[in-house]
Amino acid sequence: MRTSFSIPDDVVDAFDQVWQDQGLDNRSRAVREAMLEYIESHSRLEETTGEVVALIGFDYRHHEVIRELHTAQHEFQDVILNTSHTHQQEWCLESLFCRGSADRVRELTYRLRDFDGVRRVKVMVIQDQID
């Protein structure tokens, strides 16, 4: 199947550099691998049930969304145990350490992705087996 995407030139340039440095044959192969990785990571989040421990990391432009992010984090105090925040010029990197129902952690993750000023949201989910 052929398809097209609108992607900023700097993102394409960086992507091309990475797959070439890794010795892949072509961009199509690299895109296919990236898509499979995306599917795998999001399927894990969707399929997880019960109690979990999770780390949610995201980066954002501080001045664009800080109030809204704080409001959202307060709404999820039942699962957020701890936060870590660092400034990198106009960008901020934040980590949320969570424990609670997979449904609530998933809801928080999707809420963070809704903000235009948030660039990326990454989640590491661990099924909690502790009683």
N, C-alpha and C. Protein backbone atom coordinates (compact mmCIF):
# COMPACT_ATOMS: atom_id res chain seq x y z
N MET A 1 0.84 -1.17 0.00
CA MET A 1 0.00 0.00 0.00
C MET A 1 0.88 1.24 0.00
N ARG A 2 0.54 2.18 -0.80
CA ARG A 2 1.24 3.46 -0.79
C ARG A 2 0.37 4.47 -0.05
N THR A 3 1.05 5.33 0.70
CA THR A 3 0.34 6.37 1.44
C THR A 3 1.27 7.58 1.55
N SER A 4 0.74 8.69 1.97
CA SER A 4 1.57 9.89 2.15
C SER A 4 1.25 10.52 3.50
N PHE A 5 2.23 11.23 4.03
CA PHE A 5 2.12 11.90 5.31
C PHE A 5 2.71 13.30 5.21
N SER A 6 2.19 14.20 6.00
CA SER A 6 2.80 15.53 6.13
C SER A 6 3.65 15.52 7.39
N ILE A 7 4.96 15.59 7.20
CA ILE A 7 5.90 15.54 8.31
C ILE A 7 6.90 16.66 8.13
N PRO A 8 7.19 17.42 9.20
CA PRO A 8 8.18 18.50 9.07
C PRO A 8 9.52 17.98 8.55
N ASP A 9 10.17 18.78 7.73
CA ASP A 9 11.45 18.39 7.12
C ASP A 9 12.50 17.99 8.15
N ASP A 10 12.57 18.70 9.27
CA ASP A 10 13.59 18.38 10.26
C ASP A 10 13.36 17.01 10.89
N VAL A 11 12.09 16.60 11.02
CA VAL A 11 11.78 15.27 11.57
C VAL A 11 12.17 14.20 10.56
N VAL A 12 11.88 14.43 9.28
CA VAL A 12 12.26 13.47 8.23
C VAL A 12 13.78 13.35 8.16
N ASP A 13 14.48 14.47 8.22
CA ASP A 13 15.95 14.45 8.17
C ASP A 13 16.52 13.64 9.33
N ALA A 14 16.01 13.87 10.53
CA ALA A 14 16.50 13.14 11.70
C ALA A 14 16.16 11.65 11.58
N PHE A 15 14.96 11.34 11.12
CA PHE A 15 14.55 9.94 10.93
C PHE A 15 15.46 9.25 9.92
N ASP A 16 15.70 9.92 8.79
CA ASP A 16 16.57 9.35 7.76
C ASP A 16 17.97 9.08 8.30
N GLN A 17 18.48 9.99 9.10
CA GLN A 17 19.81 9.81 9.67
C GLN A 17 19.86 8.58 10.56
N VAL A 18 18.83 8.38 11.37
CA VAL A 18 18.80 7.25 12.29
C VAL A 18 18.75 5.93 11.54
N TRP A 19 17.83 5.79 10.59
CA TRP A 19 17.74 4.48 9.91
C TRP A 19 18.96 4.20 9.05
N GLN A 20 19.56 5.25 8.50
CA GLN A 20 20.79 5.05 7.73
C GLN A 20 21.95 4.64 8.64
N ASP A 21 22.06 5.28 9.80
CA ASP A 21 23.10 4.93 10.77
C ASP A 21 22.96 3.48 11.25
N GLN A 22 21.72 2.99 11.30
CA GLN A 22 21.47 1.61 11.73
C GLN A 22 21.68 0.59 10.62
N GLY A 23 21.91 1.08 9.41
CA GLY A 23 22.18 0.18 8.30
C GLY A 23 20.95 -0.45 7.67
N LEU A 24 19.78 0.14 7.88
CA LEU A 24 18.58 -0.39 7.22
C LEU A 24 18.64 -0.08 5.73
N ASP A 25 17.93 -0.88 4.96
CA ASP A 25 17.98 -0.76 3.50
C ASP A 25 17.28 0.48 2.95
N ASN A 26 16.17 0.89 3.57
CA ASN A 26 15.42 2.01 3.02
C ASN A 26 14.47 2.61 4.05
N ARG A 27 13.92 3.75 3.71
CA ARG A 27 13.01 4.47 4.60
C ARG A 27 11.74 3.65 4.84
N SER A 28 11.23 2.97 3.83
CA SER A 28 10.00 2.18 4.00
C SER A 28 10.16 1.14 5.09
N ARG A 29 11.29 0.48 5.10
CA ARG A 29 11.55 -0.53 6.13
C ARG A 29 11.57 0.13 7.51
N ALA A 30 12.22 1.28 7.62
CA ALA A 30 12.31 1.99 8.89
C ALA A 30 10.93 2.45 9.36
N VAL A 31 10.12 2.95 8.45
CA VAL A 31 8.76 3.39 8.81
C VAL A 31 7.94 2.20 9.28
N ARG A 32 8.05 1.08 8.58
CA ARG A 32 7.32 -0.14 8.95
C ARG A 32 7.70 -0.56 10.37
N GLU A 33 9.01 -0.58 10.68
CA GLU A 33 9.46 -0.95 12.02
C GLU A 33 8.95 0.03 13.08
N ALA A 34 8.99 1.31 12.75
CA ALA A 34 8.51 2.32 13.70
C ALA A 34 7.01 2.16 13.95
N MET A 35 6.26 1.86 12.92
CA MET A 35 4.81 1.67 13.07
C MET A 35 4.51 0.43 13.92
N LEU A 36 5.25 -0.64 13.70
CA LEU A 36 5.05 -1.86 14.50
C LEU A 36 5.38 -1.62 15.97
N GLU A 37 6.44 -0.86 16.22
CA GLU A 37 6.79 -0.52 17.60
C GLU A 37 5.69 0.32 18.25
N TYR A 38 5.14 1.25 17.51
CA TYR A 38 4.05 2.10 18.01
C TYR A 38 2.83 1.24 18.34
N ILE A 39 2.48 0.34 17.44
CA ILE A 39 1.33 -0.55 17.66
C ILE A 39 1.55 -1.40 18.90
N GLU A 40 2.73 -1.96 19.05
CA GLU A 40 3.05 -2.81 20.20
C GLU A 40 2.94 -2.04 21.50
N SER A 41 3.50 -0.85 21.55
CA SER A 41 3.47 -0.09 22.81
C SER A 41 2.06 0.34 23.18
N HIS A 42 1.26 0.70 22.21
CA HIS A 42 -0.10 1.14 22.50
C HIS A 42 -1.03 -0.04 22.77
N SER A 43 -0.77 -1.17 22.15
CA SER A 43 -1.57 -2.37 22.43
C SER A 43 -1.36 -2.81 23.87
N ARG A 44 -0.13 -2.74 24.34
CA ARG A 44 0.16 -3.12 25.73
C ARG A 44 -0.63 -2.26 26.69
N LEU A 45 -0.67 -0.98 26.44
CA LEU A 45 -1.42 -0.06 27.29
C LEU A 45 -2.91 -0.39 27.25
N GLU A 46 -3.44 -0.69 26.10
CA GLU A 46 -4.85 -1.00 25.94
C GLU A 46 -5.25 -2.32 26.58
N GLU A 47 -4.36 -3.31 26.53
CA GLU A 47 -4.69 -4.66 26.98
C GLU A 47 -4.47 -4.88 28.47
N THR A 48 -3.76 -3.99 29.14
CA THR A 48 -3.44 -4.17 30.54
C THR A 48 -4.67 -3.89 31.40
N THR A 49 -4.91 -4.76 32.38
CA THR A 49 -6.02 -4.59 33.31
C THR A 49 -5.50 -4.75 34.73
N GLY A 50 -6.34 -4.41 35.68
CA GLY A 50 -5.98 -4.57 37.09
C GLY A 50 -5.09 -3.45 37.57
N GLU A 51 -4.38 -3.73 38.66
CA GLU A 51 -3.48 -2.75 39.26
C GLU A 51 -2.14 -2.74 38.52
N VAL A 52 -1.61 -1.56 38.31
CA VAL A 52 -0.33 -1.41 37.63
C VAL A 52 0.54 -0.39 38.34
N VAL A 53 1.81 -0.49 38.05
CA VAL A 53 2.78 0.55 38.37
C VAL A 53 3.23 1.08 37.02
N ALA A 54 3.30 2.39 36.87
CA ALA A 54 3.65 2.95 35.56
C ALA A 54 4.48 4.21 35.72
N LEU A 55 5.29 4.44 34.71
CA LEU A 55 6.04 5.68 34.58
C LEU A 55 5.55 6.34 33.30
N ILE A 56 5.07 7.56 33.41
CA ILE A 56 4.63 8.32 32.25
C ILE A 56 5.59 9.49 32.11
N GLY A 57 6.28 9.55 31.00
CA GLY A 57 7.20 10.64 30.72
C GLY A 57 6.68 11.46 29.55
N PHE A 58 6.78 12.77 29.65
CA PHE A 58 6.33 13.61 28.55
C PHE A 58 7.10 14.92 28.53
N ASP A 59 7.18 15.51 27.34
CA ASP A 59 7.83 16.80 27.20
C ASP A 59 6.85 17.80 26.62
N TYR A 60 7.04 19.05 27.00
CA TYR A 60 6.08 20.08 26.60
C TYR A 60 6.70 21.46 26.70
N ARG A 61 6.07 22.40 26.02
CA ARG A 61 6.45 23.81 26.12
C ARG A 61 5.76 24.38 27.36
N HIS A 62 6.56 24.72 28.33
CA HIS A 62 6.07 25.14 29.64
C HIS A 62 5.00 26.22 29.55
N HIS A 63 5.28 27.29 28.84
CA HIS A 63 4.39 28.45 28.84
C HIS A 63 3.07 28.18 28.13
N GLU A 64 2.99 27.15 27.30
CA GLU A 64 1.77 26.89 26.54
C GLU A 64 0.71 26.11 27.34
N VAL A 65 1.14 25.24 28.26
CA VAL A 65 0.17 24.32 28.86
C VAL A 65 0.30 24.10 30.36
N ILE A 66 1.14 24.84 31.04
CA ILE A 66 1.44 24.51 32.44
C ILE A 66 0.20 24.52 33.33
N ARG A 67 -0.68 25.48 33.19
CA ARG A 67 -1.88 25.53 34.04
C ARG A 67 -2.78 24.33 33.79
N GLU A 68 -2.99 24.02 32.51
CA GLU A 68 -3.85 22.90 32.16
C GLU A 68 -3.26 21.57 32.62
N LEU A 69 -1.94 21.43 32.51
CA LEU A 69 -1.29 20.21 32.97
C LEU A 69 -1.42 20.04 34.48
N HIS A 70 -1.25 21.12 35.22
CA HIS A 70 -1.40 21.03 36.67
C HIS A 70 -2.82 20.65 37.05
N THR A 71 -3.79 21.21 36.36
CA THR A 71 -5.19 20.86 36.62
C THR A 71 -5.41 19.38 36.37
N ALA A 72 -4.92 18.88 35.24
CA ALA A 72 -5.08 17.46 34.91
C ALA A 72 -4.40 16.58 35.95
N GLN A 73 -3.20 16.95 36.38
CA GLN A 73 -2.49 16.14 37.36
C GLN A 73 -3.24 16.10 38.69
N HIS A 74 -3.86 17.21 39.07
CA HIS A 74 -4.64 17.21 40.31
C HIS A 74 -5.86 16.30 40.20
N GLU A 75 -6.42 16.18 39.02
CA GLU A 75 -7.57 15.30 38.81
C GLU A 75 -7.19 13.83 38.92
N PHE A 76 -5.90 13.52 38.80
CA PHE A 76 -5.43 12.14 38.85
C PHE A 76 -4.55 11.86 40.06
N GLN A 77 -4.79 12.59 41.15
CA GLN A 77 -4.01 12.38 42.37
C GLN A 77 -4.17 10.98 42.94
N ASP A 78 -5.26 10.31 42.56
CA ASP A 78 -5.49 8.96 43.07
C ASP A 78 -4.49 7.94 42.50
N VAL A 79 -3.85 8.26 41.37
CA VAL A 79 -2.87 7.32 40.80
C VAL A 79 -1.46 7.90 40.72
N ILE A 80 -1.30 9.21 40.75
CA ILE A 80 0.04 9.81 40.68
C ILE A 80 0.67 9.81 42.07
N LEU A 81 1.78 9.08 42.20
CA LEU A 81 2.47 9.00 43.48
C LEU A 81 3.51 10.09 43.64
N ASN A 82 4.19 10.42 42.51
CA ASN A 82 5.31 11.34 42.57
C ASN A 82 5.52 11.93 41.18
N THR A 83 6.06 13.14 41.15
CA THR A 83 6.40 13.76 39.87
C THR A 83 7.84 14.25 39.91
N SER A 84 8.43 14.34 38.75
CA SER A 84 9.77 14.88 38.60
C SER A 84 9.74 15.82 37.40
N HIS A 85 10.36 16.97 37.54
CA HIS A 85 10.27 18.00 36.51
C HIS A 85 11.64 18.62 36.28
N THR A 86 11.99 18.82 35.03
CA THR A 86 13.23 19.51 34.71
C THR A 86 13.00 20.44 33.53
N HIS A 87 13.71 21.55 33.52
CA HIS A 87 13.61 22.54 32.44
C HIS A 87 14.76 22.36 31.46
N GLN A 88 14.47 22.42 30.20
CA GLN A 88 15.47 22.39 29.13
C GLN A 88 15.15 23.53 28.17
N GLN A 89 15.57 24.73 28.51
CA GLN A 89 15.24 25.95 27.79
C GLN A 89 13.73 26.12 27.72
N GLU A 90 13.14 26.22 26.52
CA GLU A 90 11.69 26.43 26.44
C GLU A 90 10.89 25.15 26.69
N TRP A 91 11.58 24.00 26.68
CA TRP A 91 10.92 22.71 26.87
C TRP A 91 11.09 22.24 28.31
N CYS A 92 10.10 21.48 28.77
CA CYS A 92 10.17 20.84 30.08
C CYS A 92 9.99 19.34 29.89
N LEU A 93 10.61 18.58 30.75
CA LEU A 93 10.46 17.14 30.77
C LEU A 93 9.88 16.78 32.13
N GLU A 94 8.81 16.01 32.11
CA GLU A 94 8.15 15.64 33.35
C GLU A 94 7.96 14.13 33.39
N SER A 95 8.12 13.57 34.59
CA SER A 95 7.88 12.14 34.81
C SER A 95 6.83 12.01 35.90
N LEU A 96 5.86 11.16 35.66
CA LEU A 96 4.82 10.87 36.65
C LEU A 96 4.95 9.41 37.04
N PHE A 97 5.17 9.15 38.31
CA PHE A 97 5.24 7.79 38.82
C PHE A 97 3.86 7.45 39.35
N CYS A 98 3.25 6.41 38.79
CA CYS A 98 1.85 6.11 39.08
C CYS A 98 1.67 4.70 39.62
N ARG A 99 0.61 4.55 40.40
CA ARG A 99 0.17 3.23 40.85
C ARG A 99 -1.33 3.28 41.03
N GLY A 100 -2.01 2.32 40.41
CA GLY A 100 -3.46 2.28 40.50
C GLY A 100 -4.04 1.44 39.39
N SER A 101 -5.31 1.66 39.13
CA SER A 101 -5.97 0.85 38.11
C SER A 101 -5.43 1.20 36.73
N ALA A 102 -5.31 0.17 35.91
CA ALA A 102 -4.83 0.37 34.54
C ALA A 102 -5.75 1.34 33.80
N ASP A 103 -7.03 1.29 34.08
CA ASP A 103 -7.98 2.19 33.41
C ASP A 103 -7.66 3.65 33.72
N ARG A 104 -7.35 3.95 34.98
CA ARG A 104 -7.05 5.34 35.35
C ARG A 104 -5.72 5.80 34.77
N VAL A 105 -4.71 4.93 34.76
CA VAL A 105 -3.42 5.28 34.19
C VAL A 105 -3.57 5.51 32.69
N ARG A 106 -4.34 4.68 32.03
CA ARG A 106 -4.61 4.84 30.60
C ARG A 106 -5.34 6.16 30.34
N GLU A 107 -6.33 6.46 31.16
CA GLU A 107 -7.09 7.72 31.03
C GLU A 107 -6.16 8.93 31.19
N LEU A 108 -5.26 8.89 32.17
CA LEU A 108 -4.30 9.96 32.38
C LEU A 108 -3.38 10.11 31.17
N THR A 109 -2.89 9.00 30.65
CA THR A 109 -2.00 9.02 29.48
C THR A 109 -2.69 9.69 28.30
N TYR A 110 -3.92 9.30 28.03
CA TYR A 110 -4.64 9.88 26.89
C TYR A 110 -4.96 11.35 27.13
N ARG A 111 -5.20 11.70 28.36
CA ARG A 111 -5.47 13.11 28.69
C ARG A 111 -4.24 13.96 28.39
N LEU A 112 -3.06 13.48 28.76
CA LEU A 112 -1.83 14.22 28.50
C LEU A 112 -1.59 14.38 27.00
N ARG A 113 -1.94 13.37 26.22
CA ARG A 113 -1.75 13.44 24.77
C ARG A 113 -2.69 14.43 24.10
N ASP A 114 -3.74 14.84 24.79
CA ASP A 114 -4.70 15.78 24.21
C ASP A 114 -4.18 17.21 24.12
N PHE A 115 -3.15 17.54 24.90
CA PHE A 115 -2.66 18.92 24.93
C PHE A 115 -1.78 19.21 23.72
N ASP A 116 -2.08 20.30 23.02
CA ASP A 116 -1.29 20.68 21.84
C ASP A 116 0.16 21.00 22.20
N GLY A 117 0.41 21.55 23.38
CA GLY A 117 1.76 21.91 23.77
C GLY A 117 2.61 20.74 24.23
N VAL A 118 2.01 19.56 24.36
CA VAL A 118 2.75 18.36 24.74
C VAL A 118 3.25 17.69 23.46
N ARG A 119 4.55 17.46 23.38
CA ARG A 119 5.12 16.90 22.16
C ARG A 119 5.03 15.38 22.14
N ARG A 120 5.49 14.73 23.20
CA ARG A 120 5.49 13.26 23.26
C ARG A 120 5.06 12.79 24.63
N VAL A 121 4.39 11.65 24.66
CA VAL A 121 4.05 10.99 25.92
C VAL A 121 4.48 9.54 25.78
N LYS A 122 5.34 9.08 26.68
CA LYS A 122 5.82 7.70 26.68
C LYS A 122 5.41 7.04 27.99
N VAL A 123 5.00 5.80 27.90
CA VAL A 123 4.53 5.08 29.08
C VAL A 123 5.26 3.76 29.22
N MET A 124 5.68 3.47 30.44
CA MET A 124 6.22 2.16 30.77
C MET A 124 5.27 1.58 31.81
N VAL A 125 4.60 0.49 31.45
CA VAL A 125 3.62 -0.13 32.34
C VAL A 125 4.16 -1.46 32.85
N ILE A 126 4.02 -1.65 34.16
CA ILE A 126 4.40 -2.91 34.78
C ILE A 126 3.15 -3.46 35.46
N GLN A 127 2.76 -4.66 35.10
CA GLN A 127 1.62 -5.30 35.77
C GLN A 127 2.05 -5.57 37.20
N ASP A 128 1.31 -5.07 38.15
CA ASP A 128 1.68 -5.21 39.54
C ASP A 128 1.16 -6.53 40.09
N GLN A 129 2.06 -7.38 40.55
CA GLN A 129 1.69 -8.68 41.09
C GLN A 129 1.71 -8.70 42.61
N ILE A 130 1.94 -7.55 43.24
CA ILE A 130 2.03 -7.47 44.69
C ILE A 130 0.63 -7.40 45.28
N ASP A 131 0.35 -8.23 46.24
CA ASP A 131 -0.97 -8.22 46.91
C ASP A 131 -0.94 -7.40 48.16
